[in-house]
Amino acid sequence: MKHSNHFYSIISVTLVLILFGLVAIGFFQANNLSKHFKEQVNIVVELKAETSADDLEKVRQKIEKSPVVKTGSITFISKEEGAKMLTDDFGEELLSLQMSNPLHDIVTFNLKARYISTEYFEKIRLQVLDYPPVQDVYYQEGLVGGVMENINKIGYSILGLAIALLLIALALIYNTIRLSIHSNRMLIKNMQLIGAAPSFVSRPFFMRSFRNGIMSSLIAMTVLGLLLLLVMGQLPLELITESSSLFIGLSVGLLILGVVMNLFSTFLTVNKYLRTNLEDLHS
């Protein structure tokens, strides 16, 4: 029966850790998705008609040196390419208007996710406007505000859910450990009555709890690792490294959580029975 209690304890803690791991994976993936959408907001730099290739390169280099600009996001679109894109979108009728190309050469770039705010957009806009070849700089102010508002709402919701589930997980782990030790409450009290020190009474329970915590964490890590492997097969190559780093960090976190919560719950439970009167243990 005692072995059965410990087995159920390991399984219960493992399931709680898997649940917590899934929530953690969802949180980090949502964070990555948030970062992706933030970095899709374009800043468009409109160049003057007489801008030479040398001036264009100088503008590109100055933008590239800014610490807030996302690496590799700078794109040059000539006015001819712009006209072709409009034609593709609105049809060949655009060319039949028999008018000169009204577009300008433009350079587009994106900011790094942590700098996505109206303040930084306006700051980089004024900075780029100081470059002589630049005629105008603009971005979608309404889109930036909407993206930030929605991302903040989603972020707070997920964070609240994660905190709530963490508290639930901790409560479930504590109750599971408490129930597994409950059958040994008389043994704990008898050892105390014959003069055993609290540390001596607690030591075997801590050792078993430590082993159970490691075992639960390893099982949970294995299950989550297999799930991540299945998901990684569907991911683009650039996201595989991020998922691998996520699993390493998650494994360390689950190992610490599993062991610490097992030991902490054991400490609370054993000390509770040590402080309980013998008469109360029968009730």
C-alpha atoms as a PDB file:
ATOM      1  CA  MET A   1       0.000   0.000   0.000  1.00  0.00           C
ATOM      2  CA  LYS A   2       2.833   2.371   0.850  1.00  0.00           C
ATOM      3  CA  HIS A   3       4.534   1.662  -2.457  1.00  0.00           C
ATOM      4  CA  SER A   4       1.193   2.271  -4.175  1.00  0.00           C
ATOM      5  CA  ASN A   5       0.896   5.660  -2.442  1.00  0.00           C
ATOM      6  CA  HIS A   6       4.352   6.690  -3.616  1.00  0.00           C
ATOM      7  CA  PHE A   7       3.580   5.493  -7.139  1.00  0.00           C
ATOM      8  CA  TYR A   8       0.405   7.581  -7.242  1.00  0.00           C
ATOM      9  CA  SER A   9       2.374  10.495  -5.809  1.00  0.00           C
ATOM     10  CA  ILE A  10       4.946  10.277  -8.629  1.00  0.00           C
ATOM     11  CA  ILE A  11       2.230  10.018 -11.295  1.00  0.00           C
ATOM     12  CA  SER A  12       0.219  12.898  -9.821  1.00  0.00           C
ATOM     13  CA  VAL A  13       3.227  15.200  -9.552  1.00  0.00           C
ATOM     14  CA  THR A  14       4.300  14.210 -13.072  1.00  0.00           C
ATOM     15  CA  LEU A  15       0.896  15.162 -14.490  1.00  0.00           C
ATOM     16  CA  VAL A  16       1.001  18.503 -12.664  1.00  0.00           C
ATOM     17  CA  LEU A  17       4.494  19.210 -14.020  1.00  0.00           C
ATOM     18  CA  ILE A  18       3.396  18.311 -17.559  1.00  0.00           C
ATOM     19  CA  LEU A  19       0.448  20.683 -17.243  1.00  0.00           C
ATOM     20  CA  PHE A  20       2.699  23.440 -15.946  1.00  0.00           C
ATOM     21  CA  GLY A  21       5.209  22.724 -18.723  1.00  0.00           C
ATOM     22  CA  LEU A  22       2.521  23.001 -21.392  1.00  0.00           C
ATOM     23  CA  VAL A  23       1.418  26.359 -19.971  1.00  0.00           C
ATOM     24  CA  ALA A  24       5.044  27.538 -19.910  1.00  0.00           C
ATOM     25  CA  ILE A  25       5.544  26.464 -23.535  1.00  0.00           C
ATOM     26  CA  GLY A  26       2.343  28.262 -24.511  1.00  0.00           C
ATOM     27  CA  PHE A  27       3.487  31.399 -22.700  1.00  0.00           C
ATOM     28  CA  PHE A  28       6.882  31.494 -24.415  1.00  0.00           C
ATOM     29  CA  GLN A  29       5.425  30.681 -27.830  1.00  0.00           C
ATOM     30  CA  ALA A  30       2.863  33.460 -27.371  1.00  0.00           C
ATOM     31  CA  ASN A  31       5.746  35.771 -26.486  1.00  0.00           C
ATOM     32  CA  ASN A  32       7.559  34.746 -29.690  1.00  0.00           C
ATOM     33  CA  LEU A  33       4.378  35.321 -31.691  1.00  0.00           C
ATOM     34  CA  SER A  34       4.014  38.739 -30.080  1.00  0.00           C
ATOM     35  CA  LYS A  35       7.611  39.558 -31.008  1.00  0.00           C
ATOM     36  CA  HIS A  36       6.993  38.421 -34.596  1.00  0.00           C
ATOM     37  CA  PHE A  37       3.950  40.674 -35.049  1.00  0.00           C
ATOM     38  CA  LYS A  38       5.695  43.644 -33.459  1.00  0.00           C
ATOM     39  CA  GLU A  39       8.591  43.369 -35.878  1.00  0.00           C
ATOM     40  CA  GLN A  40       6.260  43.343 -38.911  1.00  0.00           C
ATOM     41  CA  VAL A  41       5.347  47.031 -38.565  1.00  0.00           C
ATOM     42  CA  ASN A  42       7.150  48.875 -41.377  1.00  0.00           C
ATOM     43  CA  ILE A  43       8.743  52.294 -41.275  1.00  0.00           C
ATOM     44  CA  VAL A  44       8.809  53.748 -44.779  1.00  0.00           C
ATOM     45  CA  VAL A  45      11.509  56.224 -45.823  1.00  0.00           C
ATOM     46  CA  GLU A  46      10.601  58.188 -48.952  1.00  0.00           C
ATOM     47  CA  LEU A  47      13.659  59.421 -50.871  1.00  0.00           C
ATOM     48  CA  LYS A  48      13.987  62.584 -52.941  1.00  0.00           C
ATOM     49  CA  ALA A  49      13.802  62.215 -56.722  1.00  0.00           C
ATOM     50  CA  GLU A  50      17.456  63.187 -57.288  1.00  0.00           C
ATOM     51  CA  THR A  51      18.870  60.704 -54.767  1.00  0.00           C
ATOM     52  CA  SER A  52      21.985  59.000 -56.144  1.00  0.00           C
ATOM     53  CA  ALA A  53      23.075  55.427 -55.504  1.00  0.00           C
ATOM     54  CA  ASP A  54      25.833  56.698 -53.181  1.00  0.00           C
ATOM     55  CA  ASP A  55      23.365  58.765 -51.157  1.00  0.00           C
ATOM     56  CA  LEU A  56      21.019  55.788 -50.978  1.00  0.00           C
ATOM     57  CA  GLU A  57      23.818  53.622 -49.600  1.00  0.00           C
ATOM     58  CA  LYS A  58      24.674  56.267 -46.995  1.00  0.00           C
ATOM     59  CA  VAL A  59      21.053  56.368 -45.836  1.00  0.00           C
ATOM     60  CA  ARG A  60      20.954  52.578 -45.636  1.00  0.00           C
ATOM     61  CA  GLN A  61      24.168  52.431 -43.608  1.00  0.00           C
ATOM     62  CA  LYS A  62      22.995  55.126 -41.182  1.00  0.00           C
ATOM     63  CA  ILE A  63      19.709  53.293 -40.598  1.00  0.00           C
ATOM     64  CA  GLU A  64      21.518  49.978 -40.205  1.00  0.00           C
ATOM     65  CA  LYS A  65      23.786  51.392 -37.483  1.00  0.00           C
ATOM     66  CA  SER A  66      20.850  52.336 -35.274  1.00  0.00           C
ATOM     67  CA  PRO A  67      20.627  49.944 -32.275  1.00  0.00           C
ATOM     68  CA  VAL A  68      16.815  49.923 -32.429  1.00  0.00           C
ATOM     69  CA  VAL A  69      16.609  48.673 -36.043  1.00  0.00           C
ATOM     70  CA  LYS A  70      16.017  44.961 -36.607  1.00  0.00           C
ATOM     71  CA  THR A  71      19.008  43.364 -38.316  1.00  0.00           C
ATOM     72  CA  GLY A  72      18.339  42.386 -41.939  1.00  0.00           C
ATOM     73  CA  SER A  73      15.016  44.223 -42.149  1.00  0.00           C
ATOM     74  CA  ILE A  74      16.146  47.045 -44.469  1.00  0.00           C
ATOM     75  CA  THR A  75      14.621  46.778 -47.947  1.00  0.00           C
ATOM     76  CA  PHE A  76      14.970  49.100 -50.943  1.00  0.00           C
ATOM     77  CA  ILE A  77      12.023  49.416 -53.351  1.00  0.00           C
ATOM     78  CA  SER A  78      12.540  51.488 -56.473  1.00  0.00           C
ATOM     79  CA  LYS A  79       9.694  53.506 -57.917  1.00  0.00           C
ATOM     80  CA  GLU A  80       9.553  51.087 -60.865  1.00  0.00           C
ATOM     81  CA  GLU A  81       9.143  48.144 -58.500  1.00  0.00           C
ATOM     82  CA  GLY A  82       6.510  50.116 -56.597  1.00  0.00           C
ATOM     83  CA  ALA A  83       4.572  50.769 -59.820  1.00  0.00           C
ATOM     84  CA  LYS A  84       4.718  47.051 -60.675  1.00  0.00           C
ATOM     85  CA  MET A  85       3.410  46.135 -57.222  1.00  0.00           C
ATOM     86  CA  LEU A  86       0.496  48.566 -57.668  1.00  0.00           C
ATOM     87  CA  THR A  87      -0.202  47.100 -61.092  1.00  0.00           C
ATOM     88  CA  ASP A  88      -0.254  43.598 -59.651  1.00  0.00           C
ATOM     89  CA  ASP A  89      -2.693  44.739 -56.969  1.00  0.00           C
ATOM     90  CA  PHE A  90      -5.012  46.955 -59.041  1.00  0.00           C
ATOM     91  CA  GLY A  91      -4.643  45.576 -62.549  1.00  0.00           C
ATOM     92  CA  GLU A  92      -3.209  46.705 -65.870  1.00  0.00           C
ATOM     93  CA  GLU A  93      -5.707  49.582 -66.022  1.00  0.00           C
ATOM     94  CA  LEU A  94      -3.264  51.587 -63.895  1.00  0.00           C
ATOM     95  CA  LEU A  95      -0.781  51.696 -66.784  1.00  0.00           C
ATOM     96  CA  SER A  96      -3.402  52.914 -69.257  1.00  0.00           C
ATOM     97  CA  LEU A  97      -3.692  56.253 -67.486  1.00  0.00           C
ATOM     98  CA  GLN A  98      -0.737  57.486 -69.571  1.00  0.00           C
ATOM     99  CA  MET A  99       0.825  59.426 -66.696  1.00  0.00           C
ATOM    100  CA  SER A 100       4.367  59.566 -65.402  1.00  0.00           C
ATOM    101  CA  ASN A 101       5.287  57.419 -62.453  1.00  0.00           C
ATOM    102  CA  PRO A 102       4.313  59.497 -59.362  1.00  0.00           C
ATOM    103  CA  LEU A 103       6.077  57.213 -56.898  1.00  0.00           C
ATOM    104  CA  HIS A 104       9.384  57.699 -55.104  1.00  0.00           C
ATOM    105  CA  ASP A 105      12.165  55.280 -54.306  1.00  0.00           C
ATOM    106  CA  ILE A 106      11.640  54.066 -50.756  1.00  0.00           C
ATOM    107  CA  VAL A 107      13.518  52.236 -48.048  1.00  0.00           C
ATOM    108  CA  THR A 108      11.568  50.193 -45.486  1.00  0.00           C
ATOM    109  CA  PHE A 109      12.790  48.768 -42.206  1.00  0.00           C
ATOM    110  CA  ASN A 110      11.485  47.405 -38.908  1.00  0.00           C
ATOM    111  CA  LEU A 111      12.331  48.049 -35.283  1.00  0.00           C
ATOM    112  CA  LYS A 112      13.332  45.379 -32.783  1.00  0.00           C
ATOM    113  CA  ALA A 113      10.386  44.071 -30.762  1.00  0.00           C
ATOM    114  CA  ARG A 114      11.425  45.692 -27.472  1.00  0.00           C
ATOM    115  CA  TYR A 115      11.457  49.137 -29.113  1.00  0.00           C
ATOM    116  CA  ILE A 116       7.950  48.929 -30.533  1.00  0.00           C
ATOM    117  CA  SER A 117       6.205  52.005 -29.164  1.00  0.00           C
ATOM    118  CA  THR A 118       4.943  55.306 -30.524  1.00  0.00           C
ATOM    119  CA  GLU A 119       7.790  57.043 -28.688  1.00  0.00           C
ATOM    120  CA  TYR A 120      10.518  55.075 -30.442  1.00  0.00           C
ATOM    121  CA  PHE A 121       8.775  55.274 -33.829  1.00  0.00           C
ATOM    122  CA  GLU A 122       8.597  59.054 -33.574  1.00  0.00           C
ATOM    123  CA  LYS A 123      12.190  59.273 -32.350  1.00  0.00           C
ATOM    124  CA  ILE A 124      13.575  57.211 -35.243  1.00  0.00           C
ATOM    125  CA  ARG A 125      11.332  59.128 -37.683  1.00  0.00           C
ATOM    126  CA  LEU A 126      12.784  62.491 -36.659  1.00  0.00           C
ATOM    127  CA  GLN A 127      16.298  61.055 -36.729  1.00  0.00           C
ATOM    128  CA  VAL A 128      15.955  59.718 -40.289  1.00  0.00           C
ATOM    129  CA  LEU A 129      14.311  62.940 -41.496  1.00  0.00           C
ATOM    130  CA  ASP A 130      17.593  64.734 -40.765  1.00  0.00           C
ATOM    131  CA  TYR A 131      19.316  62.790 -43.559  1.00  0.00           C
ATOM    132  CA  PRO A 132      19.527  65.128 -46.627  1.00  0.00           C
ATOM    133  CA  PRO A 133      18.326  62.555 -49.239  1.00  0.00           C
ATOM    134  CA  VAL A 134      15.166  61.813 -47.242  1.00  0.00           C
ATOM    135  CA  GLN A 135      11.932  63.521 -48.241  1.00  0.00           C
ATOM    136  CA  ASP A 136       9.558  61.991 -45.704  1.00  0.00           C
ATOM    137  CA  VAL A 137       9.253  59.186 -43.151  1.00  0.00           C
ATOM    138  CA  TYR A 138       5.990  57.625 -42.140  1.00  0.00           C
ATOM    139  CA  TYR A 139       4.494  54.620 -40.418  1.00  0.00           C
ATOM    140  CA  GLN A 140       1.019  53.376 -39.536  1.00  0.00           C
ATOM    141  CA  GLU A 141       0.408  55.106 -36.197  1.00  0.00           C
ATOM    142  CA  GLY A 142      -3.010  53.523 -35.747  1.00  0.00           C
ATOM    143  CA  LEU A 143      -1.595  50.058 -36.414  1.00  0.00           C
ATOM    144  CA  VAL A 144       1.188  50.554 -33.856  1.00  0.00           C
ATOM    145  CA  GLY A 145      -1.281  51.653 -31.186  1.00  0.00           C
ATOM    146  CA  GLY A 146      -3.670  48.793 -31.992  1.00  0.00           C
ATOM    147  CA  VAL A 147      -0.913  46.176 -32.004  1.00  0.00           C
ATOM    148  CA  MET A 148       0.491  47.365 -28.680  1.00  0.00           C
ATOM    149  CA  GLU A 149      -2.935  47.496 -27.029  1.00  0.00           C
ATOM    150  CA  ASN A 150      -3.936  44.007 -28.184  1.00  0.00           C
ATOM    151  CA  ILE A 151      -0.542  42.479 -27.358  1.00  0.00           C
ATOM    152  CA  ASN A 152      -0.618  43.981 -23.856  1.00  0.00           C
ATOM    153  CA  LYS A 153      -4.110  42.573 -23.258  1.00  0.00           C
ATOM    154  CA  ILE A 154      -3.080  39.109 -24.446  1.00  0.00           C
ATOM    155  CA  GLY A 155       0.165  39.268 -22.453  1.00  0.00           C
ATOM    156  CA  TYR A 156      -1.582  40.178 -19.201  1.00  0.00           C
ATOM    157  CA  SER A 157      -4.200  37.469 -19.762  1.00  0.00           C
ATOM    158  CA  ILE A 158      -1.592  34.763 -20.351  1.00  0.00           C
ATOM    159  CA  LEU A 159       0.499  35.954 -17.403  1.00  0.00           C
ATOM    160  CA  GLY A 160      -2.563  35.847 -15.138  1.00  0.00           C
ATOM    161  CA  LEU A 161      -3.410  32.353 -16.369  1.00  0.00           C
ATOM    162  CA  ALA A 162       0.167  31.180 -15.826  1.00  0.00           C
ATOM    163  CA  ILE A 163       0.238  32.530 -12.251  1.00  0.00           C
ATOM    164  CA  ALA A 164      -3.141  30.946 -11.458  1.00  0.00           C
ATOM    165  CA  LEU A 165      -2.060  27.577 -12.855  1.00  0.00           C
ATOM    166  CA  LEU A 166       1.239  27.776 -10.965  1.00  0.00           C
ATOM    167  CA  LEU A 167      -0.627  28.289  -7.688  1.00  0.00           C
ATOM    168  CA  ILE A 168      -2.959  25.405  -8.551  1.00  0.00           C
ATOM    169  CA  ALA A 169       0.026  23.218  -9.429  1.00  0.00           C
ATOM    170  CA  LEU A 170       1.741  24.012  -6.128  1.00  0.00           C
ATOM    171  CA  ALA A 171      -1.451  23.247  -4.189  1.00  0.00           C
ATOM    172  CA  LEU A 172      -1.918  19.937  -6.025  1.00  0.00           C
ATOM    173  CA  ILE A 173       1.677  18.897  -5.401  1.00  0.00           C
ATOM    174  CA  TYR A 174       1.371  19.731  -1.699  1.00  0.00           C
ATOM    175  CA  ASN A 175      -1.877  17.778  -1.294  1.00  0.00           C
ATOM    176  CA  THR A 176      -0.453  14.822  -3.209  1.00  0.00           C
ATOM    177  CA  ILE A 177       2.636  14.657  -0.980  1.00  0.00           C
ATOM    178  CA  ARG A 178       0.521  15.135   2.144  1.00  0.00           C
ATOM    179  CA  LEU A 179      -1.702  12.194   1.221  1.00  0.00           C
ATOM    180  CA  SER A 180       1.284   9.977   0.442  1.00  0.00           C
ATOM    181  CA  ILE A 181       2.779  10.643   3.901  1.00  0.00           C
ATOM    182  CA  HIS A 182      -0.549  10.437   5.742  1.00  0.00           C
ATOM    183  CA  SER A 183      -0.337   6.653   6.076  1.00  0.00           C
ATOM    184  CA  ASN A 184       3.005   7.058   7.921  1.00  0.00           C
ATOM    185  CA  ARG A 185       1.758   9.592  10.455  1.00  0.00           C
ATOM    186  CA  MET A 186       1.748   7.041  13.319  1.00  0.00           C
ATOM    187  CA  LEU A 187       5.296   5.958  12.449  1.00  0.00           C
ATOM    188  CA  ILE A 188       6.427   9.605  12.569  1.00  0.00           C
ATOM    189  CA  LYS A 189       4.815  10.151  15.970  1.00  0.00           C
ATOM    190  CA  ASN A 190       6.138   6.839  17.415  1.00  0.00           C
ATOM    191  CA  MET A 191       9.702   7.690  16.358  1.00  0.00           C
ATOM    192  CA  GLN A 192       9.322  11.082  18.023  1.00  0.00           C
ATOM    193  CA  LEU A 193       7.955   9.514  21.229  1.00  0.00           C
ATOM    194  CA  ILE A 194      10.933   7.195  21.627  1.00  0.00           C
ATOM    195  CA  GLY A 195      13.281  10.189  21.473  1.00  0.00           C
ATOM    196  CA  ALA A 196      14.267  10.436  17.807  1.00  0.00           C
ATOM    197  CA  ALA A 197      15.313  13.951  16.756  1.00  0.00           C
ATOM    198  CA  PRO A 198      13.068  15.707  14.169  1.00  0.00           C
ATOM    199  CA  SER A 199      15.935  15.677  11.663  1.00  0.00           C
ATOM    200  CA  PHE A 200      16.330  11.909  12.079  1.00  0.00           C
ATOM    201  CA  VAL A 201      12.575  11.376  11.632  1.00  0.00           C
ATOM    202  CA  SER A 202      12.422  13.609   8.575  1.00  0.00           C
ATOM    203  CA  ARG A 203      15.545  12.328   6.785  1.00  0.00           C
ATOM    204  CA  PRO A 204      14.064   9.178   5.121  1.00  0.00           C
ATOM    205  CA  PHE A 205      10.993  11.128   3.978  1.00  0.00           C
ATOM    206  CA  PHE A 206      13.191  13.844   2.476  1.00  0.00           C
ATOM    207  CA  MET A 207      15.345  11.282   0.677  1.00  0.00           C
ATOM    208  CA  ARG A 208      12.311   9.528  -0.789  1.00  0.00           C
ATOM    209  CA  SER A 209      10.750  12.872  -1.685  1.00  0.00           C
ATOM    210  CA  PHE A 210      13.966  13.953  -3.409  1.00  0.00           C
ATOM    211  CA  ARG A 211      14.037  10.758  -5.487  1.00  0.00           C
ATOM    212  CA  ASN A 212      10.359  11.035  -6.315  1.00  0.00           C
ATOM    213  CA  GLY A 213      10.803  14.665  -7.366  1.00  0.00           C
ATOM    214  CA  ILE A 214      13.637  13.791  -9.735  1.00  0.00           C
ATOM    215  CA  MET A 215      11.678  10.854 -11.169  1.00  0.00           C
ATOM    216  CA  SER A 216       8.541  12.960 -11.706  1.00  0.00           C
ATOM    217  CA  SER A 217      10.596  15.727 -13.350  1.00  0.00           C
ATOM    218  CA  LEU A 218      12.390  13.300 -15.675  1.00  0.00           C
ATOM    219  CA  ILE A 219       9.139  11.690 -16.797  1.00  0.00           C
ATOM    220  CA  ALA A 220       7.549  15.103 -17.378  1.00  0.00           C
ATOM    221  CA  MET A 221      10.628  16.297 -19.298  1.00  0.00           C
ATOM    222  CA  THR A 222      10.535  13.174 -21.492  1.00  0.00           C
ATOM    223  CA  VAL A 223       6.840  13.627 -22.352  1.00  0.00           C
ATOM    224  CA  LEU A 224       7.254  17.335 -23.104  1.00  0.00           C
ATOM    225  CA  GLY A 225      10.430  16.629 -25.102  1.00  0.00           C
ATOM    226  CA  LEU A 226       8.563  14.158 -27.327  1.00  0.00           C
ATOM    227  CA  LEU A 227       5.755  16.676 -27.829  1.00  0.00           C
ATOM    228  CA  LEU A 228       8.260  19.385 -28.765  1.00  0.00           C
ATOM    229  CA  LEU A 229       9.965  17.030 -31.231  1.00  0.00           C
ATOM    230  CA  LEU A 230       6.633  16.473 -32.966  1.00  0.00           C
ATOM    231  CA  VAL A 231       6.002  20.220 -33.098  1.00  0.00           C
ATOM    232  CA  MET A 232       9.548  21.067 -34.233  1.00  0.00           C
ATOM    233  CA  GLY A 233       9.042  18.918 -37.304  1.00  0.00           C
ATOM    234  CA  GLN A 234       6.431  21.443 -38.455  1.00  0.00           C
ATOM    235  CA  LEU A 235       8.478  24.558 -37.619  1.00  0.00           C
ATOM    236  CA  PRO A 236      10.681  26.664 -39.938  1.00  0.00           C
ATOM    237  CA  LEU A 237      14.417  26.037 -39.554  1.00  0.00           C
ATOM    238  CA  GLU A 238      15.063  29.364 -37.782  1.00  0.00           C
ATOM    239  CA  LEU A 239      12.618  28.488 -34.992  1.00  0.00           C
ATOM    240  CA  ILE A 240      14.107  25.072 -34.213  1.00  0.00           C
ATOM    241  CA  THR A 241      17.031  26.587 -32.286  1.00  0.00           C
ATOM    242  CA  GLU A 242      14.623  28.696 -30.226  1.00  0.00           C
ATOM    243  CA  SER A 243      12.538  25.604 -29.404  1.00  0.00           C
ATOM    244  CA  SER A 244      15.671  23.689 -28.390  1.00  0.00           C
ATOM    245  CA  SER A 245      16.753  26.506 -26.052  1.00  0.00           C
ATOM    246  CA  LEU A 246      13.209  26.648 -24.673  1.00  0.00           C
ATOM    247  CA  PHE A 247      13.279  22.921 -23.865  1.00  0.00           C
ATOM    248  CA  ILE A 248      16.623  23.192 -22.070  1.00  0.00           C
ATOM    249  CA  GLY A 249      15.394  26.073 -19.918  1.00  0.00           C
ATOM    250  CA  LEU A 250      12.061  24.349 -19.318  1.00  0.00           C
ATOM    251  CA  SER A 251      13.796  21.106 -18.286  1.00  0.00           C
ATOM    252  CA  VAL A 252      15.909  22.915 -15.708  1.00  0.00           C
ATOM    253  CA  GLY A 253      12.819  24.713 -14.411  1.00  0.00           C
ATOM    254  CA  LEU A 254      10.775  21.514 -14.127  1.00  0.00           C
ATOM    255  CA  LEU A 255      13.615  19.709 -12.370  1.00  0.00           C
ATOM    256  CA  ILE A 256      13.952  22.486  -9.799  1.00  0.00           C
ATOM    257  CA  LEU A 257      10.178  22.826  -9.372  1.00  0.00           C
ATOM    258  CA  GLY A 258       9.636  19.076  -8.998  1.00  0.00           C
ATOM    259  CA  VAL A 259      12.390  18.584  -6.422  1.00  0.00           C
ATOM    260  CA  VAL A 260      11.862  21.796  -4.432  1.00  0.00           C
ATOM    261  CA  MET A 261       8.087  21.412  -4.207  1.00  0.00           C
ATOM    262  CA  ASN A 262       8.390  17.760  -3.168  1.00  0.00           C
ATOM    263  CA  LEU A 263      10.884  18.638  -0.444  1.00  0.00           C
ATOM    264  CA  PHE A 264       8.945  21.693   0.711  1.00  0.00           C
ATOM    265  CA  SER A 265       5.646  19.795   0.832  1.00  0.00           C
ATOM    266  CA  THR A 266       7.344  16.954   2.723  1.00  0.00           C
ATOM    267  CA  PHE A 267       8.824  19.435   5.198  1.00  0.00           C
ATOM    268  CA  LEU A 268       5.412  21.001   5.888  1.00  0.00           C
ATOM    269  CA  THR A 269       3.648  17.645   6.198  1.00  0.00           C
ATOM    270  CA  VAL A 270       6.209  15.904   8.422  1.00  0.00           C
ATOM    271  CA  ASN A 271       6.466  18.912  10.731  1.00  0.00           C
ATOM    272  CA  LYS A 272       2.681  19.071  10.928  1.00  0.00           C
ATOM    273  CA  TYR A 273       2.537  15.483  12.217  1.00  0.00           C
ATOM    274  CA  LEU A 274       5.452  16.118  14.578  1.00  0.00           C
ATOM    275  CA  ARG A 275       3.514  18.978  16.159  1.00  0.00           C
ATOM    276  CA  THR A 276       0.211  17.083  16.292  1.00  0.00           C
ATOM    277  CA  ASN A 277      -0.874  15.418  19.529  1.00  0.00           C
ATOM    278  CA  LEU A 278      -1.089  11.622  19.490  1.00  0.00           C
ATOM    279  CA  GLU A 279      -4.829  11.738  20.237  1.00  0.00           C
ATOM    280  CA  ASP A 280      -5.431  14.022  17.258  1.00  0.00           C
ATOM    281  CA  LEU A 281      -3.690  11.647  14.860  1.00  0.00           C
ATOM    282  CA  HIS A 282      -6.488   9.101  15.346  1.00  0.00           C
ATOM    283  CA  SER A 283      -9.213  11.607  14.544  1.00  0.00           C
END
